[in-house]
Protein backbone atom coordinates (compact mmCIF):
# COMPACT_ATOMS: atom_id res chain seq x y z
CA MET A 1 -39.50 -15.66 8.65
CA ILE A 2 -38.47 -16.61 12.17
CA GLY A 3 -37.05 -20.13 12.33
CA GLU A 4 -38.27 -22.92 14.56
CA ASP A 5 -34.80 -23.06 16.10
CA CYS A 6 -34.90 -19.41 17.14
CA ARG A 7 -35.40 -19.97 20.87
CA VAL A 8 -33.36 -23.18 20.82
CA VAL A 9 -30.33 -21.09 19.86
CA GLY A 10 -31.08 -18.40 22.44
CA MET A 11 -32.59 -15.65 20.31
CA ASP A 12 -35.67 -13.48 20.81
CA GLY A 13 -38.11 -14.01 17.95
CA GLU A 14 -39.96 -10.76 18.54
CA ARG A 15 -36.75 -8.78 18.26
CA LEU A 16 -35.81 -10.63 15.08
CA ARG A 17 -39.18 -9.63 13.59
CA GLU A 18 -37.99 -6.05 13.96
CA VAL A 19 -35.09 -6.99 11.68
CA GLU A 20 -37.62 -7.74 8.97
CA ASP A 21 -39.35 -4.42 9.59
CA LEU A 22 -36.00 -2.64 9.19
CA ILE A 23 -35.19 -4.40 5.90
CA GLU A 24 -38.65 -3.71 4.51
CA GLN A 25 -38.32 -0.07 5.57
CA GLY A 26 -35.05 0.17 3.64
CA ARG A 27 -36.76 -1.19 0.56
CA GLU A 28 -39.64 1.26 0.92
CA GLU A 29 -37.16 4.12 1.28
CA GLY A 30 -35.65 3.13 -2.07
CA LEU A 31 -32.29 1.94 -0.74
CA TYR A 32 -32.57 -1.25 -2.80
CA PRO A 33 -35.26 -3.10 -4.77
CA ALA A 34 -34.40 -6.52 -3.31
CA ALA A 35 -32.96 -7.89 -0.08
CA VAL A 36 -32.36 -11.33 1.43
CA TYR A 37 -31.16 -11.92 4.97
CA MET A 38 -30.16 -14.87 7.14
CA VAL A 39 -29.28 -15.13 10.82
CA VAL A 40 -27.52 -18.35 11.83
CA ARG A 41 -26.57 -19.20 15.41
CA HIS A 42 -24.89 -22.38 16.66
CA GLY A 43 -25.16 -23.62 13.10
CA LYS A 44 -28.97 -23.33 12.95
CA VAL A 45 -31.07 -20.81 11.02
CA ALA A 46 -32.72 -18.46 13.52
CA ALA A 47 -34.33 -16.20 10.92
CA GLN A 48 -34.34 -15.60 7.19
CA GLY A 49 -36.38 -13.72 4.65
CA ALA A 50 -36.62 -12.20 1.17
CA PHE A 51 -38.04 -8.80 0.24
CA GLY A 52 -38.92 -6.91 -2.92
CA PHE A 53 -38.10 -7.64 -6.54
CA ALA A 54 -34.82 -8.99 -7.86
CA GLN A 55 -35.64 -7.69 -11.34
CA PRO A 56 -38.24 -4.96 -10.88
CA GLU A 57 -38.34 -3.97 -14.56
CA ALA A 58 -38.82 -7.49 -15.91
CA THR A 59 -42.20 -8.48 -17.34
CA PRO A 60 -43.56 -9.57 -14.98
CA PRO A 61 -41.25 -8.31 -12.18
CA VAL A 62 -39.17 -11.10 -10.64
CA PRO A 63 -39.69 -11.36 -6.85
CA ALA A 64 -36.71 -11.93 -4.57
CA THR A 65 -36.54 -15.34 -2.88
CA LEU A 66 -34.12 -16.98 -0.48
CA GLU A 67 -32.46 -18.53 -3.55
CA THR A 68 -31.98 -15.25 -5.44
CA ILE A 69 -28.42 -14.98 -6.76
CA PHE A 70 -26.59 -11.73 -5.98
CA ASP A 71 -23.48 -10.11 -7.39
CA MET A 72 -21.36 -10.39 -4.23
CA ALA A 73 -18.80 -7.75 -5.32
CA SER A 74 -15.97 -7.52 -2.75
CA VAL A 75 -17.33 -10.41 -0.72
CA SER A 76 -15.33 -12.24 -3.41
CA LYS A 77 -12.17 -11.30 -1.51
CA PRO A 78 -12.71 -13.73 1.40
CA ILE A 79 -13.02 -16.53 -1.17
CA THR A 80 -9.67 -15.51 -2.68
CA ALA A 81 -8.16 -15.33 0.79
CA THR A 82 -9.51 -18.76 1.72
CA LEU A 83 -7.88 -20.21 -1.39
CA LEU A 84 -4.63 -18.50 -0.36
CA LEU A 85 -4.81 -20.03 3.13
CA GLN A 86 -5.49 -23.44 1.62
CA CYS A 87 -2.24 -23.02 -0.34
CA VAL A 88 -0.50 -22.11 2.92
CA GLU A 89 -1.82 -25.28 4.55
CA ARG A 90 -0.65 -27.36 1.58
CA GLY A 91 2.87 -25.93 1.84
CA LEU A 92 2.67 -24.31 -1.57
CA VAL A 93 3.31 -20.79 -0.25
CA HIS A 94 4.09 -18.89 2.90
CA LEU A 95 2.76 -15.40 3.52
CA GLY A 96 6.20 -13.80 3.58
CA MET A 97 6.88 -14.73 -0.06
CA THR A 98 6.93 -11.84 -2.50
CA VAL A 99 5.07 -10.91 -5.65
CA ALA A 100 8.30 -11.10 -7.63
CA TYR A 101 8.86 -14.72 -6.57
CA PHE A 102 5.62 -15.77 -8.26
CA LEU A 103 5.56 -13.27 -11.12
CA PRO A 104 8.98 -13.07 -12.79
CA GLU A 105 7.81 -10.05 -14.78
CA ALA A 106 7.48 -8.21 -11.44
CA LYS A 107 11.19 -8.51 -10.61
CA GLU A 108 11.82 -4.78 -11.15
CA ALA A 109 8.27 -3.64 -10.41
CA PRO A 110 7.55 -1.37 -7.42
CA VAL A 111 5.20 -4.05 -6.06
CA GLY A 112 7.77 -6.83 -6.58
CA PRO A 113 9.05 -6.91 -2.96
CA VAL A 114 5.52 -6.80 -1.47
CA THR A 115 4.55 -9.96 0.41
CA LEU A 116 1.43 -12.09 0.12
CA ARG A 117 0.55 -11.09 3.69
CA GLN A 118 0.72 -7.41 2.73
CA LEU A 119 -1.48 -7.97 -0.32
CA ALA A 120 -4.03 -9.92 1.71
CA THR A 121 -4.19 -7.35 4.52
CA HIS A 122 -4.22 -4.23 2.30
CA THR A 123 -0.87 -2.98 3.58
CA SER A 124 0.95 -3.35 0.24
CA GLY A 125 1.27 0.36 -0.51
CA LEU A 126 -0.72 -0.05 -3.73
CA PRO A 127 -3.36 2.57 -4.57
CA ALA A 128 -6.92 1.82 -3.49
CA TRP A 129 -8.22 1.66 -7.06
CA LYS A 130 -7.40 2.47 -10.65
CA PRO A 131 -9.63 2.18 -13.76
CA LEU A 132 -7.82 -0.80 -15.23
CA TYR A 133 -10.58 -1.15 -17.81
CA LYS A 134 -9.21 2.06 -19.37
CA THR A 135 -5.55 1.07 -19.27
CA GLU A 136 -3.34 1.58 -22.30
CA ALA A 137 -0.98 -1.10 -20.99
CA ALA A 138 -0.91 -4.54 -22.60
CA SER A 139 -2.94 -5.98 -19.72
CA ALA A 140 -4.40 -5.10 -16.33
CA LEU A 141 -1.55 -7.05 -14.72
CA GLU A 142 1.05 -4.99 -16.53
CA ALA A 143 -0.74 -1.82 -15.48
CA ILE A 144 -0.55 -2.84 -11.81
CA LEU A 145 3.09 -3.84 -12.07
CA THR A 146 4.05 -0.42 -13.41
CA MET A 147 2.23 1.53 -10.69
CA PRO A 148 4.34 3.32 -8.08
CA LEU A 149 3.52 2.44 -4.48
CA GLU A 150 1.89 5.22 -2.47
CA THR A 151 3.32 4.18 0.90
CA GLU A 152 6.04 1.93 2.26
CA PRO A 153 4.69 -1.64 2.40
CA GLY A 154 3.50 -2.63 5.86
CA THR A 155 3.20 0.91 7.19
CA HIS A 156 -0.31 1.98 6.15
CA TYR A 157 -3.69 0.36 5.61
CA VAL A 158 -5.28 1.25 2.27
CA TYR A 159 -8.10 -1.01 1.13
CA SER A 160 -7.04 -1.96 -2.40
CA ASP A 161 -8.77 -3.98 -5.10
CA LEU A 162 -5.47 -4.08 -6.93
CA GLY A 163 -3.77 -6.23 -4.30
CA TYR A 164 -6.48 -8.87 -4.58
CA ILE A 165 -6.30 -8.84 -8.37
CA LEU A 166 -2.62 -9.72 -7.94
CA LEU A 167 -3.50 -12.45 -5.43
CA GLY A 168 -5.90 -13.98 -7.93
CA GLU A 169 -3.18 -14.07 -10.58
CA ILE A 170 -0.65 -15.52 -8.13
CA LEU A 171 -3.05 -18.29 -7.06
CA ALA A 172 -3.56 -19.22 -10.70
CA ARG A 173 0.20 -19.42 -11.22
CA VAL A 174 0.78 -21.46 -8.04
CA THR A 175 -1.97 -23.99 -8.68
CA GLY A 176 -2.02 -24.07 -12.47
CA LYS A 177 -5.78 -23.50 -12.37
CA SER A 178 -7.90 -20.46 -13.16
CA LEU A 179 -9.34 -18.74 -10.11
CA ASP A 180 -12.91 -19.76 -10.90
CA ARG A 181 -11.98 -23.41 -11.41
CA LEU A 182 -9.87 -23.42 -8.25
CA ALA A 183 -12.70 -21.94 -6.18
CA GLN A 184 -15.18 -24.43 -7.64
CA GLU A 185 -12.98 -27.43 -6.85
CA ALA A 186 -11.66 -26.32 -3.46
CA ILE A 187 -14.66 -24.52 -1.90
CA PHE A 188 -17.95 -24.46 -3.80
CA ALA A 189 -18.27 -28.11 -4.84
CA PRO A 190 -17.09 -29.61 -1.52
CA LEU A 191 -19.47 -27.39 0.45
CA GLY A 192 -22.42 -28.01 -1.85
CA MET A 193 -22.59 -24.36 -2.90
CA THR A 194 -24.45 -25.27 -6.07
CA ARG A 195 -25.62 -21.74 -6.92
CA THR A 196 -22.26 -20.04 -6.46
CA GLY A 197 -19.61 -19.17 -9.01
CA TYR A 198 -18.28 -16.64 -11.51
CA CYS A 199 -19.87 -15.70 -14.85
CA PRO A 200 -23.23 -17.39 -14.15
CA ASP A 201 -24.74 -19.37 -16.98
CA VAL A 202 -27.46 -17.64 -18.96
CA SER A 203 -29.95 -20.23 -17.70
CA LEU A 204 -29.59 -18.70 -14.24
CA HIS A 205 -30.18 -15.12 -15.34
CA PRO A 206 -33.91 -15.14 -14.45
CA GLU A 207 -32.90 -15.88 -10.85
CA ILE A 208 -30.27 -13.13 -10.48
CA ALA A 209 -30.76 -9.77 -8.77
CA ALA A 210 -30.23 -7.04 -11.35
CA THR A 211 -27.68 -4.26 -10.87
CA ALA A 212 -27.22 -0.93 -12.66
CA ASN A 213 -25.43 2.41 -12.49
CA CYS A 214 -21.96 1.21 -13.43
CA SER A 215 -20.11 4.32 -14.60
CA TRP A 216 -18.44 2.36 -17.43
CA ARG A 217 -21.78 0.99 -18.70
CA GLU A 218 -23.97 3.96 -17.94
CA GLY A 219 -27.66 3.46 -18.55
CA ARG A 220 -27.46 -0.33 -18.66
CA THR A 221 -29.24 -2.80 -16.39
CA LEU A 222 -26.96 -5.76 -15.69
CA VAL A 223 -28.22 -9.29 -15.08
CA GLY A 224 -25.59 -11.98 -14.60
CA GLU A 225 -22.87 -9.55 -15.68
CA VAL A 226 -20.50 -8.44 -12.93
CA HIS A 227 -21.07 -4.84 -11.85
CA ASP A 228 -17.43 -4.05 -11.05
CA ALA A 229 -15.88 -2.56 -14.17
CA ASN A 230 -12.38 -3.87 -13.53
CA ALA A 231 -13.68 -7.39 -12.92
CA HIS A 232 -15.77 -7.13 -16.09
CA SER A 233 -12.66 -6.18 -18.07
CA LEU A 234 -10.98 -9.30 -16.65
CA ALA A 235 -13.72 -11.50 -18.16
CA GLY A 236 -15.68 -11.60 -14.90
CA VAL A 237 -13.13 -13.60 -12.91
CA ALA A 238 -10.85 -11.69 -10.55
CA GLY A 239 -9.48 -11.89 -7.03
CA HIS A 240 -11.34 -8.79 -5.87
CA ALA A 241 -14.82 -9.23 -7.42
CA GLY A 242 -16.84 -11.41 -9.76
CA LEU A 243 -18.49 -13.87 -7.37
CA PHE A 244 -22.22 -14.55 -7.64
CA SER A 245 -23.95 -16.40 -4.81
CA THR A 246 -27.01 -16.82 -2.61
CA ALA A 247 -27.58 -16.33 1.10
CA PRO A 248 -27.94 -20.10 1.81
CA ASP A 249 -24.74 -20.89 -0.11
CA MET A 250 -22.76 -18.17 1.66
CA ALA A 251 -24.16 -19.41 4.97
CA ARG A 252 -22.67 -22.84 4.20
CA PHE A 253 -19.30 -21.20 3.55
CA ALA A 254 -19.55 -19.19 6.78
CA ARG A 255 -20.57 -22.26 8.82
CA ALA A 256 -17.58 -24.18 7.49
CA LEU A 257 -15.30 -21.31 8.40
CA LEU A 258 -16.77 -20.55 11.82
CA TYR A 259 -17.71 -23.96 13.18
CA ALA A 260 -16.11 -26.64 10.96
CA PRO A 261 -19.39 -28.58 11.49
CA PRO A 262 -19.56 -32.37 11.03
CA ASP A 263 -22.03 -32.11 8.13
CA LEU A 264 -19.59 -30.09 6.01
CA PRO A 265 -16.05 -30.90 4.86
CA VAL A 266 -13.14 -28.98 6.37
CA ILE A 267 -12.06 -26.13 4.12
CA LEU A 268 -9.53 -24.68 6.59
CA HIS A 269 -8.02 -26.23 9.70
CA PRO A 270 -7.95 -24.35 13.03
CA ARG A 271 -4.66 -22.50 12.66
CA ALA A 272 -5.52 -21.20 9.21
CA ARG A 273 -9.03 -20.29 10.39
CA ARG A 274 -7.43 -18.10 13.06
CA LEU A 275 -5.53 -16.20 10.37
CA ALA A 276 -8.90 -15.50 8.73
CA ALA A 277 -10.67 -14.54 11.96
CA GLU A 278 -8.07 -12.42 13.78
CA ASN A 279 -6.45 -9.09 12.95
CA GLN A 280 -3.09 -9.60 11.25
CA ILE A 281 -1.85 -6.01 11.20
CA ASP A 282 -0.85 -3.40 13.76
CA PRO A 283 -4.11 -2.06 15.30
CA ALA A 284 -2.50 1.39 15.17
CA ILE A 285 -2.92 1.35 11.38
CA GLY A 286 -6.09 -0.70 11.06
CA GLY A 287 -7.83 -4.02 11.36
CA HIS A 288 -7.67 -6.75 8.72
CA SER A 289 -7.17 -10.50 8.80
CA ILE A 290 -6.21 -12.64 5.84
CA GLY A 291 -9.29 -11.72 3.87
CA TRP A 292 -11.66 -9.97 6.27
CA PHE A 293 -12.35 -6.66 8.02
CA THR A 294 -11.71 -6.88 11.76
CA PRO A 295 -11.91 -4.32 14.57
CA PRO A 296 -10.80 -1.53 14.66
CA ASN A 297 -11.56 -1.26 10.91
CA GLY A 298 -14.37 1.24 10.37
CA MET A 299 -15.40 -0.65 7.21
CA LEU A 300 -16.72 -3.48 9.40
CA PRO A 301 -20.39 -2.63 10.13
CA TRP A 302 -20.50 -4.55 13.42
CA GLY A 303 -22.63 -1.98 15.22
CA ASP A 304 -22.43 -1.65 18.99
CA LEU A 305 -23.35 -5.05 20.42
CA LEU A 306 -21.43 -7.71 18.51
CA SER A 307 -18.23 -8.88 20.16
CA SER A 308 -14.75 -7.56 19.42
CA HIS A 309 -14.03 -10.95 17.82
CA THR A 310 -16.37 -10.15 14.92
CA PHE A 311 -15.00 -10.26 11.39
CA GLY A 312 -16.73 -9.79 8.06
CA HIS A 313 -16.80 -8.24 4.62
CA THR A 314 -19.04 -6.01 2.56
CA GLY A 315 -19.53 -5.57 -1.16
CA PHE A 316 -20.13 -2.39 -3.17
CA THR A 317 -23.28 -3.85 -4.70
CA GLY A 318 -24.87 -3.93 -1.22
CA THR A 319 -23.78 -7.29 0.20
CA LEU A 320 -22.68 -8.18 3.74
CA LEU A 321 -21.39 -11.28 5.53
CA MET A 322 -20.33 -11.08 9.20
CA LEU A 323 -19.27 -13.74 11.69
CA ASP A 324 -18.98 -13.44 15.47
CA PRO A 325 -17.13 -16.45 16.94
CA LYS A 326 -17.80 -15.27 20.50
CA THR A 327 -21.58 -15.60 20.11
CA ASN A 328 -21.51 -18.29 17.38
CA LEU A 329 -23.41 -15.94 15.09
CA ILE A 330 -23.50 -15.48 11.31
CA LEU A 331 -25.25 -12.49 9.71
CA LEU A 332 -26.00 -12.20 6.02
CA LEU A 333 -27.68 -9.24 4.33
CA LEU A 334 -27.65 -9.27 0.53
CA THR A 335 -29.08 -6.39 -1.48
CA ASN A 336 -28.69 -4.95 -4.97
CA ARG A 337 -28.41 -1.37 -3.76
CA VAL A 338 -26.49 -0.30 -6.88
CA TYR A 339 -29.69 -0.75 -8.86
CA GLN A 340 -30.64 2.60 -7.35
CA PRO A 341 -28.61 5.72 -8.18
CA GLY A 342 -26.75 7.36 -5.32
CA GLU A 343 -23.85 6.85 -2.96
CA GLY A 344 -25.40 4.11 -0.84
CA THR A 345 -24.94 5.86 2.49
CA GLY A 346 -28.39 4.72 3.56
CA VAL A 347 -27.29 1.10 3.24
CA LEU A 348 -24.20 1.83 5.35
CA ARG A 349 -26.46 3.04 8.14
CA LEU A 350 -28.92 0.19 7.73
CA ARG A 351 -26.16 -2.44 8.03
CA ARG A 352 -25.21 -1.19 11.47
CA LEU A 353 -28.82 -1.06 12.61
CA PHE A 354 -29.23 -4.61 11.29
CA ALA A 355 -26.21 -5.74 13.33
CA ASN A 356 -27.56 -4.08 16.47
CA LEU A 357 -31.01 -5.63 16.08
CA VAL A 358 -29.63 -9.12 15.55
CA ALA A 359 -27.12 -8.88 18.39
CA GLY A 360 -29.80 -7.36 20.61
CA ALA A 361 -31.94 -10.47 20.06
CA ILE A 362 -29.36 -12.72 21.73
CA MET A 363 -30.80 -13.80 25.10
CA ASP A 364 -27.78 -15.50 26.71
């Protein structure tokens, strides 16, 4: 659906209709059963739409709507990072402080000397992933603390869920609040993100996009249960995954981050917002801000036409949120691609085509 504000914000409605054709084509090709997208420019919705069935095997099948709730997977990480930056603004932490400072049990751990900045930018030296749900250690935290680092901290970029699991634990220690409660009080409630949170109530399950094909729960369809196995083993609340949300709610979060508009409360002030929007590591090893992929990171599906100021994040379940401050543009594409078996390479391609179509619709 092309919004009434499309031309007002300098976008070509005909080109945006091709976005809908692309998303529908992806559904017909079997890349995902459901998809919801939003394009926001200058704070106004230029286009949005919902496609397919959120729960195709339900009786009757549940159609996707703009309010369908998706398992956001790693798009949880920017929420964790925003909470971290809020703690920076409040003078509770600085990014050079170490894991061992906050976790006394990490004093002799390999990861003990790693800084919050290194955790947040995936330069900690931790492995990319480990099956913590299979650990024989007393807890997932203990398992991480006993892991040897693979590289010297600060020297290599390795995208690591483990670092964000540690950040979630550290935030809980610093604030005295669980990560889900902290996010609710500091981000979701102030921004009016009423359909966003962790471990969604069973009453919301009929409105959630189903997932499947988790290797730990093979053969099960999941509704309202986090797809990520490590997050599931952590009771659904973790720094790296566990968030459930909708496109309109995530658009509110993105607007607050990109524009700090007068109709929404400030969640980060300008200097902290810059830490979220701009690369914080040596471009020779990668591109990552405090919480987001940035150029030259190949994991950012910014296509060919968005500006070099673009930052964003993706989720394994098939979710995407990107922001381009240069063109005042927000792109959201939420799918449940893990409902289908396979590696998801088709969705990787489609994301970049989506970015090109949206950016190509900008007329100024």
